[in-house]
C-alpha atoms as a PDB file:
ATOM      1  CA  MET A   1      40.611 204.411 -32.079  1.00  0.00           C
ATOM      2  CA  THR A   2      39.607 203.103 -35.474  1.00  0.00           C
ATOM      3  CA  THR A   3      40.557 199.955 -37.337  1.00  0.00           C
ATOM      4  CA  LYS A   4      40.721 201.623 -40.756  1.00  0.00           C
ATOM      5  CA  PRO A   5      44.072 201.156 -42.503  1.00  0.00           C
ATOM      6  CA  ILE A   6      45.521 204.560 -41.699  1.00  0.00           C
ATOM      7  CA  VAL A   7      49.095 205.009 -40.502  1.00  0.00           C
ATOM      8  CA  LEU A   8      49.566 201.919 -38.404  1.00  0.00           C
ATOM      9  CA  ALA A   9      45.862 201.277 -38.338  1.00  0.00           C
ATOM     10  CA  PHE A  10      44.781 203.603 -35.599  1.00  0.00           C
ATOM     11  CA  VAL A  11      47.807 205.472 -34.262  1.00  0.00           C
ATOM     12  CA  LEU A  12      48.503 208.645 -36.243  1.00  0.00           C
ATOM     13  CA  ILE A  13      50.735 211.008 -34.318  1.00  0.00           C
ATOM     14  CA  ALA A  14      50.224 214.662 -35.118  1.00  0.00           C
ATOM     15  CA  ALA A  15      53.234 216.361 -36.637  1.00  0.00           C
ATOM     16  CA  VAL A  16      53.118 219.122 -34.061  1.00  0.00           C
ATOM     17  CA  ALA A  17      53.324 216.608 -31.231  1.00  0.00           C
ATOM     18  CA  SER A  18      56.332 214.982 -32.833  1.00  0.00           C
ATOM     19  CA  ALA A  19      58.018 218.331 -33.252  1.00  0.00           C
ATOM     20  CA  GLN A  20      57.572 219.097 -29.570  1.00  0.00           C
ATOM     21  CA  ASN A  21      59.059 215.769 -28.529  1.00  0.00           C
ATOM     22  CA  THR A  22      62.766 215.857 -27.764  1.00  0.00           C
ATOM     23  CA  LYS A  23      63.540 212.267 -28.739  1.00  0.00           C
ATOM     24  CA  PHE A  24      65.879 212.197 -31.723  1.00  0.00           C
ATOM     25  CA  ILE A  25      65.281 209.451 -34.264  1.00  0.00           C
ATOM     26  CA  PRO A  26      67.934 209.388 -36.979  1.00  0.00           C
ATOM     27  CA  THR A  27      66.903 208.919 -40.584  1.00  0.00           C
ATOM     28  CA  PRO A  28      68.230 205.670 -42.109  1.00  0.00           C
ATOM     29  CA  GLU A  29      71.075 206.193 -44.574  1.00  0.00           C
ATOM     30  CA  ASP A  30      69.310 203.887 -47.037  1.00  0.00           C
ATOM     31  CA  VAL A  31      65.923 205.603 -46.771  1.00  0.00           C
ATOM     32  CA  ALA A  32      65.901 206.563 -50.464  1.00  0.00           C
ATOM     33  CA  ALA A  33      65.934 202.989 -51.770  1.00  0.00           C
ATOM     34  CA  ALA A  34      66.294 199.413 -50.548  1.00  0.00           C
ATOM     35  CA  PRO A  35      69.938 198.247 -50.523  1.00  0.00           C
ATOM     36  CA  ASP A  36      71.184 195.297 -52.557  1.00  0.00           C
ATOM     37  CA  ASP A  37      71.163 192.974 -49.548  1.00  0.00           C
ATOM     38  CA  ALA A  38      67.461 193.594 -48.813  1.00  0.00           C
ATOM     39  CA  GLU A  39      65.035 190.730 -49.437  1.00  0.00           C
ATOM     40  CA  THR A  40      62.190 191.413 -51.862  1.00  0.00           C
ATOM     41  CA  THR A  41      58.954 189.435 -51.973  1.00  0.00           C
ATOM     42  CA  ALA A  42      56.870 188.704 -55.061  1.00  0.00           C
ATOM     43  CA  SER A  43      54.600 191.648 -54.203  1.00  0.00           C
ATOM     44  CA  GLY A  44      57.507 194.097 -54.301  1.00  0.00           C
ATOM     45  CA  LEU A  45      57.910 194.500 -50.530  1.00  0.00           C
ATOM     46  CA  ALA A  46      61.591 194.882 -49.587  1.00  0.00           C
ATOM     47  CA  SER A  47      62.943 194.328 -46.088  1.00  0.00           C
ATOM     48  CA  LYS A  48      66.119 193.876 -44.102  1.00  0.00           C
ATOM     49  CA  VAL A  49      66.609 192.545 -40.574  1.00  0.00           C
ATOM     50  CA  ILE A  50      68.240 195.201 -38.390  1.00  0.00           C
ATOM     51  CA  GLN A  51      68.244 193.166 -35.178  1.00  0.00           C
ATOM     52  CA  ALA A  52      67.464 189.460 -34.935  1.00  0.00           C
ATOM     53  CA  GLY A  53      64.647 188.392 -32.640  1.00  0.00           C
ATOM     54  CA  THR A  54      64.444 185.666 -30.024  1.00  0.00           C
ATOM     55  CA  GLY A  55      61.062 184.248 -31.002  1.00  0.00           C
ATOM     56  CA  LYS A  56      60.561 181.036 -32.947  1.00  0.00           C
ATOM     57  CA  THR A  57      57.137 181.592 -34.478  1.00  0.00           C
ATOM     58  CA  HIS A  58      55.620 184.189 -36.804  1.00  0.00           C
ATOM     59  CA  PRO A  59      52.331 186.065 -36.356  1.00  0.00           C
ATOM     60  CA  ALA A  60      49.407 185.028 -38.509  1.00  0.00           C
ATOM     61  CA  ARG A  61      47.525 187.492 -40.690  1.00  0.00           C
ATOM     62  CA  THR A  62      44.787 187.848 -38.050  1.00  0.00           C
ATOM     63  CA  ALA A  63      47.106 188.215 -35.034  1.00  0.00           C
ATOM     64  CA  ARG A  64      47.113 191.251 -32.764  1.00  0.00           C
ATOM     65  CA  VAL A  65      50.649 192.607 -32.669  1.00  0.00           C
ATOM     66  CA  THR A  66      52.418 195.027 -30.346  1.00  0.00           C
ATOM     67  CA  VAL A  67      55.172 197.029 -32.020  1.00  0.00           C
ATOM     68  CA  ASP A  68      57.397 200.053 -31.875  1.00  0.00           C
ATOM     69  CA  TYR A  69      57.853 201.759 -35.228  1.00  0.00           C
ATOM     70  CA  THR A  70      59.011 204.834 -37.104  1.00  0.00           C
ATOM     71  CA  GLY A  71      58.004 205.775 -40.657  1.00  0.00           C
ATOM     72  CA  TRP A  72      59.702 207.993 -43.245  1.00  0.00           C
ATOM     73  CA  THR A  73      59.052 209.055 -46.804  1.00  0.00           C
ATOM     74  CA  THR A  74      61.947 208.373 -49.175  1.00  0.00           C
ATOM     75  CA  ASP A  75      63.118 211.990 -48.951  1.00  0.00           C
ATOM     76  CA  GLY A  76      63.960 211.332 -45.305  1.00  0.00           C
ATOM     77  CA  LYS A  77      61.006 213.054 -43.657  1.00  0.00           C
ATOM     78  CA  MET A  78      59.626 211.216 -40.613  1.00  0.00           C
ATOM     79  CA  PHE A  79      55.827 211.238 -40.597  1.00  0.00           C
ATOM     80  CA  ASP A  80      54.977 208.903 -37.707  1.00  0.00           C
ATOM     81  CA  SER A  81      56.629 207.155 -34.769  1.00  0.00           C
ATOM     82  CA  SER A  82      55.490 205.350 -31.638  1.00  0.00           C
ATOM     83  CA  LEU A  83      58.890 206.170 -30.121  1.00  0.00           C
ATOM     84  CA  THR A  84      57.974 209.835 -29.792  1.00  0.00           C
ATOM     85  CA  THR A  85      55.178 208.914 -27.380  1.00  0.00           C
ATOM     86  CA  GLY A  86      57.048 206.181 -25.540  1.00  0.00           C
ATOM     87  CA  LYS A  87      54.064 203.879 -25.946  1.00  0.00           C
ATOM     88  CA  PRO A  88      54.077 200.874 -28.327  1.00  0.00           C
ATOM     89  CA  ALA A  89      51.133 200.388 -30.662  1.00  0.00           C
ATOM     90  CA  THR A  90      48.836 197.340 -30.596  1.00  0.00           C
ATOM     91  CA  PHE A  91      46.546 196.513 -33.502  1.00  0.00           C
ATOM     92  CA  PRO A  92      45.092 193.678 -35.618  1.00  0.00           C
ATOM     93  CA  LEU A  93      47.549 192.843 -38.381  1.00  0.00           C
ATOM     94  CA  ASP A  94      44.823 192.481 -40.995  1.00  0.00           C
ATOM     95  CA  LYS A  95      43.572 196.057 -40.421  1.00  0.00           C
ATOM     96  CA  VAL A  96      46.638 197.967 -41.609  1.00  0.00           C
ATOM     97  CA  ILE A  97      48.194 198.751 -44.979  1.00  0.00           C
ATOM     98  CA  ALA A  98      49.043 195.721 -47.099  1.00  0.00           C
ATOM     99  CA  GLY A  99      52.800 196.160 -46.734  1.00  0.00           C
ATOM    100  CA  TRP A 100      52.494 195.926 -42.968  1.00  0.00           C
ATOM    101  CA  THR A 101      50.172 192.927 -43.078  1.00  0.00           C
ATOM    102  CA  GLU A 102      52.592 191.044 -45.300  1.00  0.00           C
ATOM    103  CA  GLY A 103      55.809 192.262 -43.735  1.00  0.00           C
ATOM    104  CA  VAL A 104      55.164 191.743 -40.049  1.00  0.00           C
ATOM    105  CA  GLN A 105      54.253 188.112 -40.755  1.00  0.00           C
ATOM    106  CA  LEU A 106      57.909 187.640 -41.736  1.00  0.00           C
ATOM    107  CA  MET A 107      59.073 188.645 -38.249  1.00  0.00           C
ATOM    108  CA  VAL A 108      59.530 186.950 -34.885  1.00  0.00           C
ATOM    109  CA  ALA A 109      59.188 188.500 -31.426  1.00  0.00           C
ATOM    110  CA  GLY A 110      62.104 190.736 -30.517  1.00  0.00           C
ATOM    111  CA  GLU A 111      63.082 191.368 -34.134  1.00  0.00           C
ATOM    112  CA  THR A 112      63.605 194.807 -35.666  1.00  0.00           C
ATOM    113  CA  ARG A 113      63.200 194.992 -39.435  1.00  0.00           C
ATOM    114  CA  ARG A 114      63.318 197.808 -41.973  1.00  0.00           C
ATOM    115  CA  PHE A 115      60.678 197.799 -44.713  1.00  0.00           C
ATOM    116  CA  TRP A 116      60.577 199.621 -48.029  1.00  0.00           C
ATOM    117  CA  ILE A 117      56.875 199.561 -48.896  1.00  0.00           C
ATOM    118  CA  PRO A 118      55.900 200.520 -52.462  1.00  0.00           C
ATOM    119  CA  GLU A 119      52.940 202.838 -52.863  1.00  0.00           C
ATOM    120  CA  SER A 120      50.840 199.947 -54.207  1.00  0.00           C
ATOM    121  CA  LEU A 121      51.171 198.276 -50.769  1.00  0.00           C
ATOM    122  CA  ALA A 122      50.824 201.531 -48.809  1.00  0.00           C
ATOM    123  CA  TYR A 123      48.240 204.294 -49.302  1.00  0.00           C
ATOM    124  CA  LYS A 124      47.968 204.107 -53.091  1.00  0.00           C
ATOM    125  CA  GLY A 125      48.073 207.866 -53.526  1.00  0.00           C
ATOM    126  CA  LYS A 126      45.162 208.526 -51.170  1.00  0.00           C
ATOM    127  CA  GLU A 127      44.845 212.219 -50.372  1.00  0.00           C
ATOM    128  CA  GLY A 128      45.956 213.191 -46.886  1.00  0.00           C
ATOM    129  CA  ARG A 129      48.172 210.140 -46.447  1.00  0.00           C
ATOM    130  CA  PRO A 130      51.942 209.838 -46.920  1.00  0.00           C
ATOM    131  CA  GLN A 131      52.700 209.524 -50.620  1.00  0.00           C
ATOM    132  CA  GLY A 132      54.959 207.225 -52.591  1.00  0.00           C
ATOM    133  CA  THR A 133      57.194 204.471 -51.232  1.00  0.00           C
ATOM    134  CA  LEU A 134      57.363 204.449 -47.436  1.00  0.00           C
ATOM    135  CA  VAL A 135      60.134 203.215 -45.165  1.00  0.00           C
ATOM    136  CA  PHE A 136      59.406 201.781 -41.727  1.00  0.00           C
ATOM    137  CA  ASP A 137      61.603 200.504 -38.933  1.00  0.00           C
ATOM    138  CA  VAL A 138      59.473 198.037 -36.980  1.00  0.00           C
ATOM    139  CA  LYS A 139      60.254 196.200 -33.750  1.00  0.00           C
ATOM    140  CA  LEU A 140      57.877 193.313 -33.073  1.00  0.00           C
ATOM    141  CA  ILE A 141      57.501 193.252 -29.297  1.00  0.00           C
ATOM    142  CA  SER A 142      54.852 190.552 -29.000  1.00  0.00           C
ATOM    143  CA  PHE A 143      51.826 189.094 -30.739  1.00  0.00           C
ATOM    144  CA  ALA A 144      48.787 187.017 -29.903  1.00  0.00           C
ATOM    145  CA  GLU A 145      46.471 185.064 -32.122  1.00  0.00           C
ATOM    146  CA  PRO A 146      42.788 185.993 -31.776  1.00  0.00           C
ATOM    147  CA  PRO A 147      40.894 183.744 -29.392  1.00  0.00           C
ATOM    148  CA  SER A 148      39.336 180.814 -31.131  1.00  0.00           C
ATOM    149  CA  ALA A 149      35.900 179.435 -30.532  1.00  0.00           C
ATOM    150  CA  ALA A 150      35.527 177.543 -27.292  1.00  0.00           C
ATOM    151  CA  PRO A 151      37.848 174.529 -27.170  1.00  0.00           C
ATOM    152  CA  THR A 152      36.106 171.348 -28.246  1.00  0.00           C
ATOM    153  CA  ASP A 153      37.433 169.701 -25.103  1.00  0.00           C
ATOM    154  CA  PHE A 154      36.152 172.369 -22.705  1.00  0.00           C
ATOM    155  CA  ARG A 155      33.954 169.990 -20.708  1.00  0.00           C
ATOM    156  CA  LYS A 156      36.814 167.830 -19.479  1.00  0.00           C
ATOM    157  CA  PRO A 157      40.525 167.433 -20.165  1.00  0.00           C
ATOM    158  CA  PRO A 158      41.523 165.036 -22.957  1.00  0.00           C
ATOM    159  CA  SER A 159      43.461 161.886 -22.162  1.00  0.00           C
ATOM    160  CA  ALA A 160      46.660 163.548 -23.401  1.00  0.00           C
ATOM    161  CA  ALA A 161      46.435 166.290 -20.752  1.00  0.00           C
ATOM    162  CA  ARG A 162      48.684 166.093 -17.709  1.00  0.00           C
ATOM    163  CA  ARG A 163      47.312 166.371 -14.178  1.00  0.00           C
ATOM    164  CA  THR A 164      48.953 167.701 -11.040  1.00  0.00           C
ATOM    165  CA  VAL A 165      48.385 166.486  -7.476  1.00  0.00           C
ATOM    166  CA  SER A 166      46.053 169.430  -6.819  1.00  0.00           C
ATOM    167  CA  GLY A 167      43.727 168.426  -9.662  1.00  0.00           C
ATOM    168  CA  LEU A 168      44.909 171.019 -12.188  1.00  0.00           C
ATOM    169  CA  SER A 169      45.015 169.615 -15.734  1.00  0.00           C
ATOM    170  CA  TYR A 170      46.986 171.145 -18.595  1.00  0.00           C
ATOM    171  CA  GLN A 171      48.184 170.566 -22.141  1.00  0.00           C
ATOM    172  CA  VAL A 172      50.878 172.520 -23.975  1.00  0.00           C
ATOM    173  CA  LEU A 173      49.481 173.978 -27.220  1.00  0.00           C
ATOM    174  CA  LYS A 174      52.686 175.716 -28.358  1.00  0.00           C
ATOM    175  CA  PRO A 175      56.145 175.114 -26.852  1.00  0.00           C
ATOM    176  CA  GLY A 176      58.054 178.145 -25.653  1.00  0.00           C
ATOM    177  CA  SER A 177      61.607 179.254 -26.307  1.00  0.00           C
ATOM    178  CA  GLY A 178      62.437 180.243 -22.716  1.00  0.00           C
ATOM    179  CA  ARG A 179      64.400 178.180 -20.226  1.00  0.00           C
ATOM    180  CA  ARG A 180      63.284 179.502 -16.873  1.00  0.00           C
ATOM    181  CA  HIS A 181      59.942 179.319 -15.078  1.00  0.00           C
ATOM    182  CA  PRO A 182      58.171 182.027 -13.071  1.00  0.00           C
ATOM    183  CA  THR A 183      58.322 181.801  -9.293  1.00  0.00           C
ATOM    184  CA  GLU A 184      55.263 181.769  -7.057  1.00  0.00           C
ATOM    185  CA  THR A 185      55.890 185.412  -6.108  1.00  0.00           C
ATOM    186  CA  GLY A 186      56.962 186.525  -9.592  1.00  0.00           C
ATOM    187  CA  THR A 187      55.244 188.951 -11.963  1.00  0.00           C
ATOM    188  CA  VAL A 188      54.321 187.882 -15.487  1.00  0.00           C
ATOM    189  CA  THR A 189      52.915 189.332 -18.713  1.00  0.00           C
ATOM    190  CA  VAL A 190      50.444 187.094 -20.536  1.00  0.00           C
ATOM    191  CA  HIS A 191      47.712 186.868 -23.109  1.00  0.00           C
ATOM    192  CA  TYR A 192      44.776 184.685 -22.142  1.00  0.00           C
ATOM    193  CA  SER A 193      41.197 183.666 -22.857  1.00  0.00           C
ATOM    194  CA  GLY A 194      38.856 181.968 -20.404  1.00  0.00           C
ATOM    195  CA  TRP A 195      35.730 179.849 -20.861  1.00  0.00           C
ATOM    196  CA  THR A 196      33.202 178.219 -18.605  1.00  0.00           C
ATOM    197  CA  THR A 197      32.530 174.542 -19.226  1.00  0.00           C
ATOM    198  CA  ASP A 198      29.394 175.355 -21.226  1.00  0.00           C
ATOM    199  CA  GLY A 199      31.676 176.971 -23.819  1.00  0.00           C
ATOM    200  CA  LYS A 200      31.016 180.635 -23.000  1.00  0.00           C
ATOM    201  CA  MET A 201      34.008 182.973 -23.093  1.00  0.00           C
ATOM    202  CA  PHE A 202      33.951 185.245 -20.046  1.00  0.00           C
ATOM    203  CA  ASP A 203      37.262 187.067 -20.344  1.00  0.00           C
ATOM    204  CA  SER A 204      40.079 187.581 -22.863  1.00  0.00           C
ATOM    205  CA  SER A 205      43.067 189.911 -22.974  1.00  0.00           C
ATOM    206  CA  THR A 206      43.397 189.110 -26.680  1.00  0.00           C
ATOM    207  CA  THR A 207      40.041 190.635 -27.576  1.00  0.00           C
ATOM    208  CA  ARG A 208      41.073 193.765 -25.668  1.00  0.00           C
ATOM    209  CA  GLY A 209      44.333 193.860 -27.590  1.00  0.00           C
ATOM    210  CA  GLU A 210      46.387 194.408 -24.446  1.00  0.00           C
ATOM    211  CA  PRO A 211      48.487 191.807 -22.582  1.00  0.00           C
ATOM    212  CA  ALA A 212      47.904 191.520 -18.838  1.00  0.00           C
ATOM    213  CA  THR A 213      50.681 191.947 -16.268  1.00  0.00           C
ATOM    214  CA  PHE A 214      50.229 190.820 -12.675  1.00  0.00           C
ATOM    215  CA  PRO A 215      51.971 189.123  -9.725  1.00  0.00           C
ATOM    216  CA  LEU A 216      51.182 185.410  -9.440  1.00  0.00           C
ATOM    217  CA  THR A 217      50.250 185.943  -5.805  1.00  0.00           C
ATOM    218  CA  ARG A 218      47.192 187.982  -6.869  1.00  0.00           C
ATOM    219  CA  VAL A 219      45.381 185.476  -9.082  1.00  0.00           C
ATOM    220  CA  ILE A 220      43.332 182.327  -8.539  1.00  0.00           C
ATOM    221  CA  PRO A 221      45.299 179.300  -7.251  1.00  0.00           C
ATOM    222  CA  GLY A 222      44.990 177.458 -10.559  1.00  0.00           C
ATOM    223  CA  TRP A 223      46.789 180.312 -12.293  1.00  0.00           C
ATOM    224  CA  THR A 224      49.449 180.606  -9.584  1.00  0.00           C
ATOM    225  CA  GLU A 225      50.247 176.913  -9.901  1.00  0.00           C
ATOM    226  CA  GLY A 226      49.810 176.580 -13.650  1.00  0.00           C
ATOM    227  CA  VAL A 227      51.803 179.554 -14.921  1.00  0.00           C
ATOM    228  CA  GLN A 228      54.801 178.368 -12.885  1.00  0.00           C
ATOM    229  CA  LEU A 229      54.889 175.305 -15.154  1.00  0.00           C
ATOM    230  CA  MET A 230      55.387 177.471 -18.245  1.00  0.00           C
ATOM    231  CA  VAL A 231      58.339 179.136 -19.988  1.00  0.00           C
ATOM    232  CA  GLU A 232      58.367 182.320 -22.056  1.00  0.00           C
ATOM    233  CA  GLY A 233      56.711 181.930 -25.444  1.00  0.00           C
ATOM    234  CA  GLU A 234      54.680 178.904 -24.362  1.00  0.00           C
ATOM    235  CA  LYS A 235      50.922 178.630 -24.805  1.00  0.00           C
ATOM    236  CA  THR A 236      49.111 176.148 -22.606  1.00  0.00           C
ATOM    237  CA  ARG A 237      45.486 175.163 -21.998  1.00  0.00           C
ATOM    238  CA  PHE A 238      44.456 174.677 -18.372  1.00  0.00           C
ATOM    239  CA  TRP A 239      41.396 172.955 -16.945  1.00  0.00           C
ATOM    240  CA  ILE A 240      40.973 174.498 -13.512  1.00  0.00           C
ATOM    241  CA  PRO A 241      38.603 172.863 -11.009  1.00  0.00           C
ATOM    242  CA  GLU A 242      36.359 175.182  -9.026  1.00  0.00           C
ATOM    243  CA  SER A 243      38.418 174.513  -5.885  1.00  0.00           C
ATOM    244  CA  LEU A 244      41.386 176.185  -7.626  1.00  0.00           C
ATOM    245  CA  ALA A 245      39.280 178.917  -9.243  1.00  0.00           C
ATOM    246  CA  TYR A 246      36.697 181.156  -7.536  1.00  0.00           C
ATOM    247  CA  LYS A 247      35.358 178.511  -5.121  1.00  0.00           C
ATOM    248  CA  GLY A 248      31.718 179.324  -5.791  1.00  0.00           C
ATOM    249  CA  GLN A 249      32.152 183.013  -4.919  1.00  0.00           C
ATOM    250  CA  GLY A 250      32.086 184.455  -8.460  1.00  0.00           C
ATOM    251  CA  PRO A 251      32.513 186.346 -10.709  1.00  0.00           C
ATOM    252  CA  VAL A 252      32.274 183.068 -12.649  1.00  0.00           C
ATOM    253  CA  TYR A 253      31.321 179.669 -11.265  1.00  0.00           C
ATOM    254  CA  GLY A 254      32.321 176.063 -11.666  1.00  0.00           C
ATOM    255  CA  ASP A 255      35.326 174.604 -13.441  1.00  0.00           C
ATOM    256  CA  LEU A 256      37.087 176.940 -15.884  1.00  0.00           C
ATOM    257  CA  VAL A 257      39.199 176.514 -19.013  1.00  0.00           C
ATOM    258  CA  PHE A 258      41.994 178.956 -19.864  1.00  0.00           C
ATOM    259  CA  ASP A 259      44.344 179.313 -22.812  1.00  0.00           C
ATOM    260  CA  ILE A 260      47.394 181.204 -21.531  1.00  0.00           C
ATOM    261  CA  GLU A 261      50.398 182.470 -23.466  1.00  0.00           C
ATOM    262  CA  LEU A 262      53.353 183.490 -21.302  1.00  0.00           C
ATOM    263  CA  ILE A 263      54.879 186.512 -23.025  1.00  0.00           C
ATOM    264  CA  LYS A 264      57.362 187.612 -20.389  1.00  0.00           C
ATOM    265  CA  ILE A 265      58.627 186.860 -16.913  1.00  0.00           C
ATOM    266  CA  ASN A 266      59.168 190.304 -15.391  1.00  0.00           C
END
């Protein structure tokens, strides 16, 4: 894959593959031009919400987003779609065409929106790329902000952090919109980054651009206990003592710090 701003950054589906796929994707009736009820930004990007989302926050320009999408030229010809492969696309939002970078920041998780992207915000007449104004239907499945530098409080929890009986400390960084909590035997989908207490990142799903899904019975005890405290959409920082981590047996040693975002309870 490449991060150059080609069709959806680095997912360009060959026309022959699309033709062989049996999934029918109807062309929007308003593909030729944005309707009167579409919203238009100062840059000329027009959009309309097709299905409202359940999220409360918007991705930042540097977020990694996971989407389903279909793209058409204004004569109704489909030139690209993740739906034909059955696999959503994940990419950094600042590595795609300008209309995507601007438009997806308007969305929340779960939302489907139609965009009319003028050529000046698309491929600007570049040879070999779709020409003119482009129309995209985009469903924002999830997003994650890129991992920051090591937390400044990685050595020990701040006074505002809460502590459980087991010794696990945690602090909510972003409240979630969900109402239920995972069970001890449940399966969850998360984004996460982990640091040792000397500030070195040792693992991150965000840098890989792919959320992790796993049963809570198959992770370290600090994760099993901590993620059960969360709701969907929440991002929390955990300070996990070695006794609740790898207990001196590796792959990493000592107390650990994790930022975890609970995307979905499966």
